């Protein structure tokens, strides 16, 4: 397989604060436990979002503002 013309496009630079990567959070309403795995942008709006993974392995995306507005509480001491 040929190398991409610009190999830097293959490196993800998600801009996530390293202190958040891998931290565990609990959804206050459902009690679900999730781990932050990265950051992305929502295609339709360009809004920044967190990528987070549930204990069942499913990866979700939620706008950063919603994630940090009190819907989730951190389980890991920072």
C-alpha atoms as a PDB file:
ATOM      1  CA  UNK A   1       0.000   0.000   0.000  1.00  0.00           C
ATOM      2  CA  UNK A   2       1.511   3.369  -0.980  1.00  0.00           C
ATOM      3  CA  UNK A   3       2.342   5.965   1.682  1.00  0.00           C
ATOM      4  CA  UNK A   4      -0.063   8.912   1.907  1.00  0.00           C
ATOM      5  CA  UNK A   5       1.259  12.067   0.278  1.00  0.00           C
ATOM      6  CA  UNK A   6       1.266  13.833   3.666  1.00  0.00           C
ATOM      7  CA  UNK A   7       2.039  11.250   6.359  1.00  0.00           C
ATOM      8  CA  UNK A   8       1.281  13.761   9.125  1.00  0.00           C
ATOM      9  CA  UNK A   9      -2.410  13.318   8.308  1.00  0.00           C
ATOM     10  CA  UNK A  10      -2.153   9.829   9.790  1.00  0.00           C
ATOM     11  CA  UNK A  11      -1.227  11.105  13.274  1.00  0.00           C
ATOM     12  CA  UNK A  12      -4.190  12.007  15.484  1.00  0.00           C
ATOM     13  CA  UNK A  13      -3.735  15.286  17.331  1.00  0.00           C
ATOM     14  CA  UNK A  14      -6.938  15.483  19.302  1.00  0.00           C
ATOM     15  CA  UNK A  15      -5.937  18.296  21.669  1.00  0.00           C
ATOM     16  CA  UNK A  16      -7.128  16.450  24.764  1.00  0.00           C
ATOM     17  CA  UNK A  17      -5.521  17.581  28.020  1.00  0.00           C
ATOM     18  CA  UNK A  18      -3.238  14.652  28.949  1.00  0.00           C
ATOM     19  CA  UNK A  19      -4.542  14.857  32.532  1.00  0.00           C
ATOM     20  CA  UNK A  20      -8.029  13.847  31.274  1.00  0.00           C
ATOM     21  CA  UNK A  21      -7.021  10.950  29.026  1.00  0.00           C
ATOM     22  CA  UNK A  22      -7.921   7.670  30.681  1.00  0.00           C
ATOM     23  CA  UNK A  23      -9.805   9.208  33.600  1.00  0.00           C
ATOM     24  CA  UNK A  24     -13.002   7.501  34.736  1.00  0.00           C
ATOM     25  CA  UNK A  25     -16.340   9.286  35.090  1.00  0.00           C
ATOM     26  CA  UNK A  26     -19.791   8.266  36.278  1.00  0.00           C
ATOM     27  CA  UNK A  27     -22.999   9.477  34.629  1.00  0.00           C
ATOM     28  CA  UNK A  28     -25.100  10.914  37.461  1.00  0.00           C
ATOM     29  CA  UNK A  29     -28.468   9.831  36.029  1.00  0.00           C
ATOM     30  CA  UNK A  30     -27.715   6.322  34.758  1.00  0.00           C
ATOM     31  CA  UNK A  31     -24.785   5.402  37.002  1.00  0.00           C
ATOM     32  CA  UNK A  32     -22.770   4.238  33.973  1.00  0.00           C
ATOM     33  CA  UNK A  33     -18.972   4.285  34.270  1.00  0.00           C
ATOM     34  CA  UNK A  34     -16.959   5.689  31.358  1.00  0.00           C
ATOM     35  CA  UNK A  35     -13.314   6.392  30.498  1.00  0.00           C
ATOM     36  CA  UNK A  36     -12.279   9.413  28.405  1.00  0.00           C
ATOM     37  CA  UNK A  37     -10.314   8.157  25.397  1.00  0.00           C
ATOM     38  CA  UNK A  38      -9.964  11.236  23.216  1.00  0.00           C
ATOM     39  CA  UNK A  39     -11.424  14.355  21.723  1.00  0.00           C
ATOM     40  CA  UNK A  40     -13.055  14.977  18.359  1.00  0.00           C
ATOM     41  CA  UNK A  41     -15.256  17.460  16.501  1.00  0.00           C
ATOM     42  CA  UNK A  42     -18.909  16.951  15.708  1.00  0.00           C
ATOM     43  CA  UNK A  43     -19.100  17.076  11.918  1.00  0.00           C
ATOM     44  CA  UNK A  44     -22.421  18.899  11.676  1.00  0.00           C
ATOM     45  CA  UNK A  45     -21.508  21.747  14.040  1.00  0.00           C
ATOM     46  CA  UNK A  46     -17.712  21.763  14.414  1.00  0.00           C
ATOM     47  CA  UNK A  47     -18.210  21.633  18.181  1.00  0.00           C
ATOM     48  CA  UNK A  48     -15.491  19.912  20.216  1.00  0.00           C
ATOM     49  CA  UNK A  49     -16.565  16.674  21.871  1.00  0.00           C
ATOM     50  CA  UNK A  50     -15.136  14.059  24.181  1.00  0.00           C
ATOM     51  CA  UNK A  51     -14.824  10.462  23.044  1.00  0.00           C
ATOM     52  CA  UNK A  52     -15.557   8.200  25.973  1.00  0.00           C
ATOM     53  CA  UNK A  53     -15.860   4.442  26.341  1.00  0.00           C
ATOM     54  CA  UNK A  54     -18.322   2.506  28.452  1.00  0.00           C
ATOM     55  CA  UNK A  55     -17.584  -0.678  30.346  1.00  0.00           C
ATOM     56  CA  UNK A  56     -19.191  -2.655  27.502  1.00  0.00           C
ATOM     57  CA  UNK A  57     -16.608  -1.277  25.041  1.00  0.00           C
ATOM     58  CA  UNK A  58     -18.972   1.098  23.207  1.00  0.00           C
ATOM     59  CA  UNK A  59     -17.362   4.424  22.312  1.00  0.00           C
ATOM     60  CA  UNK A  60     -19.557   7.512  22.550  1.00  0.00           C
ATOM     61  CA  UNK A  61     -19.114  11.185  21.650  1.00  0.00           C
ATOM     62  CA  UNK A  62     -20.639  14.069  23.592  1.00  0.00           C
ATOM     63  CA  UNK A  63     -20.003  17.822  23.298  1.00  0.00           C
ATOM     64  CA  UNK A  64     -17.422  18.906  25.868  1.00  0.00           C
ATOM     65  CA  UNK A  65     -19.834  21.454  27.359  1.00  0.00           C
ATOM     66  CA  UNK A  66     -22.437  18.779  28.014  1.00  0.00           C
ATOM     67  CA  UNK A  67     -19.902  16.364  29.448  1.00  0.00           C
ATOM     68  CA  UNK A  68     -18.568  18.948  31.909  1.00  0.00           C
ATOM     69  CA  UNK A  69     -21.912  20.557  32.880  1.00  0.00           C
ATOM     70  CA  UNK A  70     -22.488  18.233  35.833  1.00  0.00           C
ATOM     71  CA  UNK A  71     -23.988  15.240  34.011  1.00  0.00           C
ATOM     72  CA  UNK A  72     -20.818  13.273  34.820  1.00  0.00           C
ATOM     73  CA  UNK A  73     -18.719  13.221  37.977  1.00  0.00           C
ATOM     74  CA  UNK A  74     -15.052  12.241  38.061  1.00  0.00           C
ATOM     75  CA  UNK A  75     -14.145   8.983  39.788  1.00  0.00           C
ATOM     76  CA  UNK A  76     -10.387   9.478  39.561  1.00  0.00           C
ATOM     77  CA  UNK A  77      -8.539  11.981  41.726  1.00  0.00           C
ATOM     78  CA  UNK A  78      -6.745  14.513  39.538  1.00  0.00           C
END
